Every structure is written in structure tokens, then in C-alpha cells.
Amino acid sequence: MSRKVVLYIAISMDGYIADEHGNINWIERHVETLEEDYHYETFFSKIDTVILGRKTYDQIVNELSPNAYPYKGTKSYVLTSKKEENQEEIAFVNEDVIELVSKLKKETGKDIWIVGGSQIAMSLVKENMIDEYQIAIIPVLLGKGIPLFTPFNKEIGLRLKSVDAKNGIIYTKYTNHH
């Protein structure tokens, strides 16, 4: 069985992954923890590779999780044009995401998580390379910001696999029937 490329991401009800300033702190502000929610832990146990852009990486290590890299135990690929020294589990690469994902899919391992940002996700969407869309809908309308999807010239059929609701979040899982 080949590795799946999974876009696992949170969006506002009006389809934004970040506010107009690129911030995602609104996610935590609009989630009440009233019941146990293991969606993330279950998902994370099935991946061993993460791909993210430089802005997303900087936001994670500087703002969201400054004391501990949240993807420890996985191989991380940070797409950037800046030269930077690789770390133990983090590779800073100046590579086309399509080529990188094509190469990684041929290797053995668990699934590949597309963390963000939107340009990386949309490059893969446009090439129909996302195998599974796991989207958590946060109960907030932002009105403006960075959309998850931008216009593209293709129709991609998806099959609903599951829907679940916890703490006001609606978790959807769709598979691509390439």
C-alpha cells in the first residue's frame, strides 16, 4: 500500500486558514474543550513525514510552540529559498513541492502530512496529488484572510469518509478517487 498525501488543516466556516495578517490564533479562541478529542492524536500516529512552508514553520516555532517542536518524531521538510542548516529531523529544502511529494510517495513509510501554507496545498490540489482531505471546521467567520482554496481549472471528485463533531469543531474526511 502506498503512502497517502493528506491535507490535514483547520479552516474558519467561511473557508480561511489564517486571518488577514496570517495569524491562526483565532482557532484556539473559538474552541471550547468540553469533551475529550483525540482526532489529532489519531491522525498524527499515522504519519511520519510533514511538509510545510517557511512562513508556517516560523509561525509554529516562534509563536505557537516555541518550547517544543510539535512534529518531533517525524521527518519535516520546510520549503524555503533561504539557506539554512538542516536539523536532526528537519530538512530545509529549496525544491518544488510536486517533485518532493512525488519522490516521497515512492519511499516506504507512513502517510505524508501537508501542514501548510495555502500555496503549497494549492500546488498539490491543482496537480490532484492530495489523496485525503481532513478538514476541521472551526466555529468562527473571519470575513477575510488567507483562503484554503483559490480558483483553479479542474474538477476533483471526492468521497466523504467521515464526519464528526467535538467541542464545536466539525471534522470532515474526504478521499480523492483520482
N, C-alpha and C. Protein backbone atom coordinates (compact mmCIF):
# COMPACT_ATOMS: atom_id res chain seq x y z
N MET A 1 0.85 -1.18 0.00
CA MET A 1 0.00 0.00 0.00
C MET A 1 0.89 1.24 0.00
N SER A 2 0.60 2.17 -0.87
CA SER A 2 1.46 3.35 -0.96
C SER A 2 1.06 4.40 0.08
N ARG A 3 1.99 5.29 0.31
CA ARG A 3 1.77 6.36 1.27
C ARG A 3 0.70 7.31 0.75
N LYS A 4 -0.13 7.80 1.66
CA LYS A 4 -1.13 8.79 1.28
C LYS A 4 -0.58 10.19 1.55
N VAL A 5 -0.98 11.13 0.71
CA VAL A 5 -0.69 12.54 0.93
C VAL A 5 -1.96 13.12 1.52
N VAL A 6 -1.85 13.64 2.75
CA VAL A 6 -3.03 14.10 3.48
C VAL A 6 -2.92 15.59 3.78
N LEU A 7 -3.96 16.32 3.39
CA LEU A 7 -4.07 17.72 3.79
C LEU A 7 -4.94 17.72 5.03
N TYR A 8 -4.30 17.94 6.18
CA TYR A 8 -5.00 17.97 7.48
C TYR A 8 -4.87 19.40 7.97
N ILE A 9 -6.00 20.12 8.02
CA ILE A 9 -5.93 21.55 8.27
C ILE A 9 -7.23 22.06 8.89
N ALA A 10 -7.13 23.15 9.62
CA ALA A 10 -8.32 23.80 10.19
C ALA A 10 -8.68 25.01 9.35
N ILE A 11 -9.98 25.22 9.19
CA ILE A 11 -10.46 26.40 8.47
C ILE A 11 -11.58 27.05 9.27
N SER A 12 -11.80 28.33 9.00
CA SER A 12 -12.97 29.01 9.54
C SER A 12 -14.18 28.55 8.73
N MET A 13 -15.38 28.84 9.23
CA MET A 13 -16.58 28.43 8.49
C MET A 13 -16.65 29.09 7.12
N ASP A 14 -16.00 30.23 6.96
CA ASP A 14 -16.01 30.88 5.64
C ASP A 14 -14.76 30.56 4.82
N GLY A 15 -14.03 29.50 5.21
CA GLY A 15 -13.00 28.94 4.35
C GLY A 15 -11.60 29.47 4.47
N TYR A 16 -11.28 30.19 5.56
CA TYR A 16 -9.94 30.75 5.71
C TYR A 16 -9.08 29.89 6.64
N ILE A 17 -7.78 29.79 6.30
CA ILE A 17 -6.85 29.04 7.15
C ILE A 17 -6.07 29.98 8.07
N ALA A 18 -6.13 31.27 7.79
CA ALA A 18 -5.45 32.28 8.60
C ALA A 18 -6.19 33.59 8.43
N ASP A 19 -6.03 34.49 9.40
CA ASP A 19 -6.67 35.80 9.27
C ASP A 19 -5.89 36.66 8.27
N GLU A 20 -6.31 37.89 8.10
CA GLU A 20 -5.69 38.74 7.07
C GLU A 20 -4.22 39.03 7.35
N HIS A 21 -3.76 38.82 8.60
CA HIS A 21 -2.36 39.05 8.96
C HIS A 21 -1.56 37.75 8.98
N GLY A 22 -2.20 36.65 8.60
CA GLY A 22 -1.52 35.35 8.57
C GLY A 22 -1.56 34.62 9.90
N ASN A 23 -2.29 35.13 10.87
CA ASN A 23 -2.36 34.51 12.20
C ASN A 23 -3.40 33.40 12.24
N ILE A 24 -3.13 32.40 13.10
CA ILE A 24 -4.08 31.32 13.29
C ILE A 24 -4.50 31.18 14.75
N ASN A 25 -4.18 32.18 15.56
CA ASN A 25 -4.53 32.12 16.98
C ASN A 25 -6.04 32.15 17.22
N TRP A 26 -6.82 32.51 16.24
CA TRP A 26 -8.28 32.50 16.35
C TRP A 26 -8.82 31.09 16.55
N ILE A 27 -8.06 30.08 16.13
CA ILE A 27 -8.53 28.70 16.27
C ILE A 27 -8.78 28.36 17.74
N GLU A 28 -7.79 28.61 18.58
CA GLU A 28 -7.93 28.28 20.00
C GLU A 28 -8.97 29.14 20.69
N ARG A 29 -9.12 30.39 20.26
CA ARG A 29 -10.10 31.29 20.89
C ARG A 29 -11.53 30.83 20.70
N HIS A 30 -11.81 30.05 19.66
CA HIS A 30 -13.18 29.69 19.33
C HIS A 30 -13.48 28.21 19.54
N VAL A 31 -12.65 27.55 20.34
CA VAL A 31 -12.88 26.15 20.64
C VAL A 31 -13.01 25.98 22.15
N GLU A 32 -14.14 25.45 22.57
CA GLU A 32 -14.34 25.14 23.99
C GLU A 32 -14.03 23.66 24.19
N THR A 33 -13.17 23.37 25.14
CA THR A 33 -12.84 21.97 25.39
C THR A 33 -13.80 21.44 26.46
N LEU A 34 -14.85 20.81 25.98
CA LEU A 34 -15.87 20.25 26.87
C LEU A 34 -15.83 18.73 26.90
N GLU A 35 -15.25 18.15 25.86
CA GLU A 35 -15.18 16.69 25.79
C GLU A 35 -13.83 16.27 25.21
N GLU A 36 -13.43 15.03 25.51
CA GLU A 36 -12.17 14.51 25.01
C GLU A 36 -12.18 14.47 23.49
N ASP A 37 -11.08 14.87 22.89
CA ASP A 37 -10.99 14.91 21.44
C ASP A 37 -9.63 14.37 21.03
N TYR A 38 -9.64 13.21 20.40
CA TYR A 38 -8.40 12.54 20.02
C TYR A 38 -8.16 12.56 18.50
N HIS A 39 -8.86 13.43 17.78
CA HIS A 39 -8.70 13.46 16.33
C HIS A 39 -7.23 13.68 15.93
N TYR A 40 -6.60 14.66 16.55
CA TYR A 40 -5.22 14.97 16.18
C TYR A 40 -4.28 13.81 16.51
N GLU A 41 -4.40 13.25 17.69
CA GLU A 41 -3.52 12.16 18.11
C GLU A 41 -3.67 10.95 17.19
N THR A 42 -4.91 10.63 16.85
CA THR A 42 -5.17 9.51 15.95
C THR A 42 -4.54 9.78 14.59
N PHE A 43 -4.74 10.98 14.07
CA PHE A 43 -4.15 11.34 12.78
C PHE A 43 -2.63 11.30 12.84
N PHE A 44 -2.04 11.92 13.86
CA PHE A 44 -0.58 12.04 13.97
C PHE A 44 0.09 10.67 14.05
N SER A 45 -0.58 9.69 14.61
CA SER A 45 0.01 8.34 14.73
C SER A 45 0.16 7.66 13.37
N LYS A 46 -0.51 8.18 12.34
CA LYS A 46 -0.49 7.55 11.03
C LYS A 46 0.46 8.23 10.04
N ILE A 47 1.19 9.26 10.50
CA ILE A 47 2.10 9.96 9.61
C ILE A 47 3.53 9.88 10.13
N ASP A 48 4.49 10.02 9.22
CA ASP A 48 5.90 10.08 9.64
C ASP A 48 6.66 11.18 8.90
N THR A 49 5.94 11.92 8.05
CA THR A 49 6.55 12.97 7.26
C THR A 49 5.62 14.17 7.23
N VAL A 50 6.18 15.37 7.43
CA VAL A 50 5.39 16.59 7.31
C VAL A 50 6.06 17.53 6.32
N ILE A 51 5.23 18.27 5.59
CA ILE A 51 5.72 19.26 4.64
C ILE A 51 5.05 20.58 4.96
N LEU A 52 5.88 21.62 5.10
CA LEU A 52 5.33 22.93 5.40
C LEU A 52 6.21 24.01 4.80
N GLY A 53 5.60 25.17 4.60
CA GLY A 53 6.34 26.30 4.08
C GLY A 53 7.07 27.04 5.17
N ARG A 54 7.96 27.92 4.77
CA ARG A 54 8.80 28.64 5.72
C ARG A 54 7.99 29.54 6.66
N LYS A 55 6.97 30.24 6.12
CA LYS A 55 6.14 31.11 6.97
C LYS A 55 5.42 30.29 8.03
N THR A 56 4.88 29.16 7.62
CA THR A 56 4.18 28.28 8.57
C THR A 56 5.16 27.77 9.62
N TYR A 57 6.33 27.34 9.20
CA TYR A 57 7.35 26.85 10.13
C TYR A 57 7.72 27.95 11.14
N ASP A 58 7.98 29.15 10.65
CA ASP A 58 8.35 30.26 11.55
C ASP A 58 7.25 30.55 12.54
N GLN A 59 6.01 30.53 12.09
CA GLN A 59 4.89 30.79 12.98
C GLN A 59 4.79 29.72 14.07
N ILE A 60 5.02 28.48 13.69
CA ILE A 60 4.94 27.38 14.66
C ILE A 60 6.05 27.49 15.70
N VAL A 61 7.29 27.66 15.26
CA VAL A 61 8.40 27.65 16.22
C VAL A 61 8.54 28.96 16.99
N ASN A 62 8.04 30.06 16.46
CA ASN A 62 8.17 31.34 17.16
C ASN A 62 6.96 31.72 17.99
N GLU A 63 5.76 31.28 17.57
CA GLU A 63 4.55 31.72 18.25
C GLU A 63 3.75 30.59 18.88
N LEU A 64 3.45 29.56 18.10
CA LEU A 64 2.53 28.53 18.58
C LEU A 64 3.17 27.53 19.52
N SER A 65 4.39 27.15 19.24
CA SER A 65 5.05 26.11 20.04
C SER A 65 6.53 26.42 20.20
N PRO A 66 6.86 27.55 20.84
CA PRO A 66 8.27 27.96 20.91
C PRO A 66 9.16 27.05 21.76
N ASN A 67 8.58 26.29 22.66
CA ASN A 67 9.39 25.48 23.58
C ASN A 67 9.63 24.05 23.12
N ALA A 68 8.82 23.58 22.18
CA ALA A 68 8.97 22.20 21.72
C ALA A 68 8.41 22.07 20.31
N TYR A 69 9.22 21.57 19.39
CA TYR A 69 8.76 21.38 18.02
C TYR A 69 7.64 20.34 18.02
N PRO A 70 6.45 20.69 17.54
CA PRO A 70 5.29 19.79 17.69
C PRO A 70 5.32 18.55 16.79
N TYR A 71 6.21 18.50 15.81
CA TYR A 71 6.24 17.35 14.90
C TYR A 71 7.43 16.45 15.16
N LYS A 72 7.93 16.46 16.38
CA LYS A 72 9.05 15.62 16.77
C LYS A 72 8.69 14.16 16.50
N GLY A 73 9.66 13.43 16.00
CA GLY A 73 9.42 12.03 15.67
C GLY A 73 9.04 11.82 14.21
N THR A 74 8.92 12.92 13.47
CA THR A 74 8.64 12.83 12.04
C THR A 74 9.80 13.45 11.29
N LYS A 75 9.86 13.22 10.00
CA LYS A 75 10.81 13.90 9.13
C LYS A 75 10.07 15.11 8.58
N SER A 76 10.59 16.31 8.86
CA SER A 76 9.95 17.53 8.39
C SER A 76 10.73 18.11 7.21
N TYR A 77 9.99 18.53 6.21
CA TYR A 77 10.56 19.23 5.06
C TYR A 77 9.98 20.63 5.05
N VAL A 78 10.85 21.63 5.24
CA VAL A 78 10.45 23.02 5.22
C VAL A 78 10.86 23.59 3.88
N LEU A 79 9.89 23.98 3.08
CA LEU A 79 10.17 24.53 1.76
C LEU A 79 10.54 26.00 1.90
N THR A 80 11.76 26.35 1.48
CA THR A 80 12.25 27.70 1.65
C THR A 80 13.33 27.99 0.62
N SER A 81 13.47 29.25 0.27
CA SER A 81 14.57 29.64 -0.61
C SER A 81 15.78 30.10 0.20
N LYS A 82 15.59 30.25 1.52
CA LYS A 82 16.70 30.65 2.39
C LYS A 82 17.61 29.46 2.65
N LYS A 83 18.90 29.71 2.64
CA LYS A 83 19.87 28.66 3.01
C LYS A 83 19.83 28.53 4.53
N GLU A 84 19.67 27.33 5.00
CA GLU A 84 19.66 27.11 6.44
C GLU A 84 20.20 25.72 6.73
N GLU A 85 20.87 25.60 7.85
CA GLU A 85 21.44 24.33 8.29
C GLU A 85 20.32 23.36 8.67
N ASN A 86 20.35 22.17 8.08
CA ASN A 86 19.37 21.15 8.45
C ASN A 86 19.55 20.77 9.91
N GLN A 87 18.45 20.36 10.53
CA GLN A 87 18.49 19.87 11.90
C GLN A 87 18.24 18.37 11.87
N GLU A 88 18.27 17.76 13.02
CA GLU A 88 18.16 16.30 13.08
C GLU A 88 16.97 15.75 12.30
N GLU A 89 15.78 16.27 12.54
CA GLU A 89 14.58 15.77 11.88
C GLU A 89 13.99 16.77 10.90
N ILE A 90 14.66 17.90 10.68
CA ILE A 90 14.11 18.96 9.84
C ILE A 90 15.07 19.27 8.68
N ALA A 91 14.55 19.14 7.48
CA ALA A 91 15.34 19.47 6.28
C ALA A 91 14.76 20.75 5.67
N PHE A 92 15.62 21.74 5.46
CA PHE A 92 15.22 22.98 4.80
C PHE A 92 15.58 22.81 3.33
N VAL A 93 14.56 22.74 2.47
CA VAL A 93 14.80 22.43 1.08
C VAL A 93 14.24 23.50 0.15
N ASN A 94 14.98 23.79 -0.89
CA ASN A 94 14.52 24.69 -1.94
C ASN A 94 14.17 23.80 -3.13
N GLU A 95 13.00 23.21 -3.04
CA GLU A 95 12.59 22.20 -4.01
C GLU A 95 11.12 22.40 -4.35
N ASP A 96 10.72 22.06 -5.54
CA ASP A 96 9.33 22.13 -5.93
C ASP A 96 8.53 21.09 -5.14
N VAL A 97 7.41 21.49 -4.56
CA VAL A 97 6.64 20.59 -3.71
C VAL A 97 6.12 19.39 -4.50
N ILE A 98 5.81 19.57 -5.76
CA ILE A 98 5.32 18.46 -6.59
C ILE A 98 6.41 17.39 -6.73
N GLU A 99 7.63 17.82 -7.02
CA GLU A 99 8.75 16.88 -7.14
C GLU A 99 9.05 16.20 -5.81
N LEU A 100 9.02 16.98 -4.73
CA LEU A 100 9.30 16.43 -3.40
C LEU A 100 8.27 15.36 -3.04
N VAL A 101 7.00 15.67 -3.20
CA VAL A 101 5.95 14.71 -2.85
C VAL A 101 6.02 13.48 -3.75
N SER A 102 6.29 13.66 -5.02
CA SER A 102 6.42 12.52 -5.94
C SER A 102 7.53 11.58 -5.47
N LYS A 103 8.64 12.16 -5.07
CA LYS A 103 9.78 11.37 -4.58
C LYS A 103 9.42 10.66 -3.27
N LEU A 104 8.81 11.38 -2.34
CA LEU A 104 8.47 10.80 -1.03
C LEU A 104 7.43 9.68 -1.15
N LYS A 105 6.49 9.81 -2.06
CA LYS A 105 5.45 8.78 -2.23
C LYS A 105 6.06 7.45 -2.67
N LYS A 106 7.21 7.48 -3.33
CA LYS A 106 7.86 6.25 -3.80
C LYS A 106 8.62 5.55 -2.68
N GLU A 107 8.89 6.27 -1.59
CA GLU A 107 9.60 5.68 -0.46
C GLU A 107 8.62 4.94 0.43
N THR A 108 9.14 4.02 1.23
CA THR A 108 8.27 3.34 2.18
C THR A 108 8.11 4.21 3.42
N GLY A 109 6.99 4.07 4.06
CA GLY A 109 6.74 4.84 5.27
C GLY A 109 5.26 5.04 5.49
N LYS A 110 4.98 5.83 6.51
CA LYS A 110 3.59 6.17 6.82
C LYS A 110 3.15 7.31 5.90
N ASP A 111 2.00 7.88 6.21
CA ASP A 111 1.43 8.93 5.38
C ASP A 111 2.22 10.24 5.49
N ILE A 112 1.98 11.12 4.52
CA ILE A 112 2.66 12.41 4.41
C ILE A 112 1.65 13.51 4.69
N TRP A 113 1.94 14.35 5.66
CA TRP A 113 1.03 15.42 6.07
C TRP A 113 1.44 16.74 5.42
N ILE A 114 0.52 17.33 4.69
CA ILE A 114 0.72 18.67 4.16
C ILE A 114 0.17 19.62 5.22
N VAL A 115 1.09 20.27 5.96
CA VAL A 115 0.72 21.14 7.08
C VAL A 115 0.23 22.49 6.57
N GLY A 116 0.90 23.05 5.60
CA GLY A 116 0.56 24.38 5.08
C GLY A 116 1.80 25.04 4.57
N GLY A 117 1.67 26.18 4.02
CA GLY A 117 0.52 27.03 3.86
C GLY A 117 -0.25 26.79 2.59
N SER A 118 -1.05 27.79 2.29
CA SER A 118 -2.02 27.65 1.22
C SER A 118 -1.37 27.47 -0.14
N GLN A 119 -0.24 28.09 -0.41
CA GLN A 119 0.40 27.94 -1.73
C GLN A 119 0.88 26.51 -1.95
N ILE A 120 1.43 25.92 -0.90
CA ILE A 120 1.87 24.53 -1.00
C ILE A 120 0.67 23.62 -1.23
N ALA A 121 -0.37 23.81 -0.42
CA ALA A 121 -1.57 22.99 -0.56
C ALA A 121 -2.17 23.13 -1.95
N MET A 122 -2.30 24.37 -2.43
CA MET A 122 -2.93 24.59 -3.73
C MET A 122 -2.09 24.02 -4.88
N SER A 123 -0.77 24.06 -4.76
CA SER A 123 0.07 23.44 -5.80
C SER A 123 -0.27 21.96 -5.93
N LEU A 124 -0.46 21.29 -4.80
CA LEU A 124 -0.77 19.86 -4.81
C LEU A 124 -2.22 19.61 -5.23
N VAL A 125 -3.14 20.48 -4.83
CA VAL A 125 -4.54 20.35 -5.25
C VAL A 125 -4.63 20.45 -6.77
N LYS A 126 -3.98 21.48 -7.32
CA LYS A 126 -4.04 21.70 -8.78
C LYS A 126 -3.52 20.51 -9.57
N GLU A 127 -2.55 19.79 -9.01
CA GLU A 127 -1.99 18.61 -9.67
C GLU A 127 -2.71 17.33 -9.25
N ASN A 128 -3.78 17.48 -8.46
CA ASN A 128 -4.58 16.35 -7.97
C ASN A 128 -3.72 15.32 -7.23
N MET A 129 -2.84 15.82 -6.36
CA MET A 129 -1.93 14.94 -5.63
C MET A 129 -2.32 14.73 -4.16
N ILE A 130 -3.42 15.32 -3.73
CA ILE A 130 -3.89 15.10 -2.36
C ILE A 130 -4.77 13.85 -2.38
N ASP A 131 -4.42 12.85 -1.58
CA ASP A 131 -5.19 11.62 -1.51
C ASP A 131 -6.34 11.72 -0.52
N GLU A 132 -6.14 12.51 0.52
CA GLU A 132 -7.15 12.62 1.58
C GLU A 132 -7.18 14.05 2.10
N TYR A 133 -8.38 14.56 2.24
CA TYR A 133 -8.60 15.90 2.79
C TYR A 133 -9.25 15.72 4.17
N GLN A 134 -8.53 16.11 5.21
CA GLN A 134 -9.10 16.09 6.56
C GLN A 134 -9.18 17.55 7.00
N ILE A 135 -10.40 18.06 7.04
CA ILE A 135 -10.60 19.48 7.31
C ILE A 135 -11.44 19.65 8.56
N ALA A 136 -10.88 20.40 9.50
CA ALA A 136 -11.59 20.72 10.74
C ALA A 136 -12.18 22.12 10.60
N ILE A 137 -13.49 22.22 10.72
CA ILE A 137 -14.17 23.50 10.55
C ILE A 137 -14.39 24.11 11.93
N ILE A 138 -13.75 25.26 12.16
CA ILE A 138 -13.80 25.96 13.44
C ILE A 138 -15.00 26.91 13.43
N PRO A 139 -15.77 26.98 14.51
CA PRO A 139 -16.99 27.79 14.53
C PRO A 139 -16.72 29.30 14.64
N VAL A 140 -16.23 29.87 13.55
CA VAL A 140 -15.99 31.31 13.50
C VAL A 140 -16.05 31.75 12.03
N LEU A 141 -16.53 32.95 11.81
CA LEU A 141 -16.49 33.58 10.50
C LEU A 141 -15.46 34.69 10.59
N LEU A 142 -14.42 34.62 9.78
CA LEU A 142 -13.37 35.63 9.82
C LEU A 142 -13.65 36.82 8.90
N GLY A 143 -14.40 36.61 7.84
CA GLY A 143 -14.73 37.70 6.94
C GLY A 143 -13.68 37.97 5.88
N LYS A 144 -12.42 37.80 6.24
CA LYS A 144 -11.33 37.94 5.28
C LYS A 144 -10.11 37.24 5.85
N GLY A 145 -9.17 36.96 4.97
CA GLY A 145 -7.97 36.25 5.41
C GLY A 145 -7.35 35.49 4.25
N ILE A 146 -6.62 34.43 4.60
CA ILE A 146 -5.97 33.58 3.61
C ILE A 146 -6.87 32.37 3.37
N PRO A 147 -7.43 32.25 2.15
CA PRO A 147 -8.34 31.12 1.90
C PRO A 147 -7.56 29.82 1.73
N LEU A 148 -8.22 28.73 2.10
CA LEU A 148 -7.61 27.42 1.86
C LEU A 148 -7.52 27.16 0.36
N PHE A 149 -8.63 27.36 -0.33
CA PHE A 149 -8.67 27.08 -1.76
C PHE A 149 -8.77 28.39 -2.54
N THR A 150 -7.97 28.47 -3.59
CA THR A 150 -8.06 29.57 -4.54
C THR A 150 -8.51 28.98 -5.87
N PRO A 151 -9.03 29.79 -6.78
CA PRO A 151 -9.56 29.24 -8.04
C PRO A 151 -8.53 28.41 -8.82
N PHE A 152 -9.02 27.33 -9.40
CA PHE A 152 -8.20 26.50 -10.27
C PHE A 152 -9.10 25.90 -11.33
N ASN A 153 -8.51 25.42 -12.42
CA ASN A 153 -9.27 24.98 -13.59
C ASN A 153 -9.40 23.47 -13.68
N LYS A 154 -9.99 22.88 -12.65
CA LYS A 154 -10.13 21.42 -12.67
C LYS A 154 -11.25 21.05 -11.72
N GLU A 155 -11.93 19.99 -12.03
CA GLU A 155 -12.92 19.44 -11.11
C GLU A 155 -12.32 18.20 -10.48
N ILE A 156 -12.36 18.11 -9.15
CA ILE A 156 -11.80 16.97 -8.44
C ILE A 156 -12.91 16.35 -7.61
N GLY A 157 -13.27 15.13 -7.93
CA GLY A 157 -14.32 14.44 -7.19
C GLY A 157 -13.78 13.83 -5.91
N LEU A 158 -14.52 14.03 -4.83
CA LEU A 158 -14.13 13.50 -3.53
C LEU A 158 -15.24 12.61 -2.99
N ARG A 159 -14.86 11.70 -2.11
CA ARG A 159 -15.82 10.80 -1.48
C ARG A 159 -15.77 11.04 0.03
N LEU A 160 -16.91 11.33 0.63
CA LEU A 160 -16.98 11.55 2.07
C LEU A 160 -16.74 10.24 2.80
N LYS A 161 -15.75 10.24 3.72
CA LYS A 161 -15.44 9.05 4.51
C LYS A 161 -16.01 9.15 5.93
N SER A 162 -15.96 10.37 6.50
CA SER A 162 -16.50 10.51 7.86
C SER A 162 -16.74 11.97 8.20
N VAL A 163 -17.64 12.16 9.16
CA VAL A 163 -17.92 13.47 9.74
C VAL A 163 -18.09 13.24 11.23
N ASP A 164 -17.49 14.11 12.02
CA ASP A 164 -17.61 14.01 13.47
C ASP A 164 -17.61 15.41 14.05
N ALA A 165 -18.24 15.58 15.17
CA ALA A 165 -18.26 16.89 15.83
C ALA A 165 -17.82 16.73 17.28
N LYS A 166 -16.87 17.58 17.68
CA LYS A 166 -16.38 17.62 19.06
C LYS A 166 -16.08 19.06 19.41
N ASN A 167 -16.54 19.50 20.55
CA ASN A 167 -16.21 20.83 21.08
C ASN A 167 -16.51 21.95 20.09
N GLY A 168 -17.56 21.78 19.30
CA GLY A 168 -17.95 22.79 18.33
C GLY A 168 -17.22 22.71 17.01
N ILE A 169 -16.23 21.83 16.90
CA ILE A 169 -15.47 21.65 15.66
C ILE A 169 -16.12 20.53 14.86
N ILE A 170 -16.27 20.73 13.56
CA ILE A 170 -16.75 19.67 12.68
C ILE A 170 -15.55 19.12 11.92
N TYR A 171 -15.30 17.84 12.10
CA TYR A 171 -14.18 17.17 11.44
C TYR A 171 -14.72 16.42 10.22
N THR A 172 -14.18 16.74 9.06
CA THR A 172 -14.59 16.05 7.84
C THR A 172 -13.40 15.31 7.25
N LYS A 173 -13.66 14.17 6.66
CA LYS A 173 -12.61 13.41 5.97
C LYS A 173 -13.15 12.98 4.62
N TYR A 174 -12.45 13.41 3.58
CA TYR A 174 -12.79 13.06 2.21
C TYR A 174 -11.61 12.37 1.56
N THR A 175 -11.89 11.36 0.73
CA THR A 175 -10.83 10.74 -0.06
C THR A 175 -11.01 11.15 -1.51
N ASN A 176 -9.92 11.21 -2.20
CA ASN A 176 -9.89 11.56 -3.60
C ASN A 176 -10.01 10.27 -4.38
N HIS A 177 -10.89 10.22 -5.38
CA HIS A 177 -10.95 9.00 -6.17
C HIS A 177 -10.24 9.15 -7.49
N HIS A 178 -9.09 9.90 -7.49
CA HIS A 178 -8.17 10.06 -8.65
C HIS A 178 -8.66 9.22 -9.82
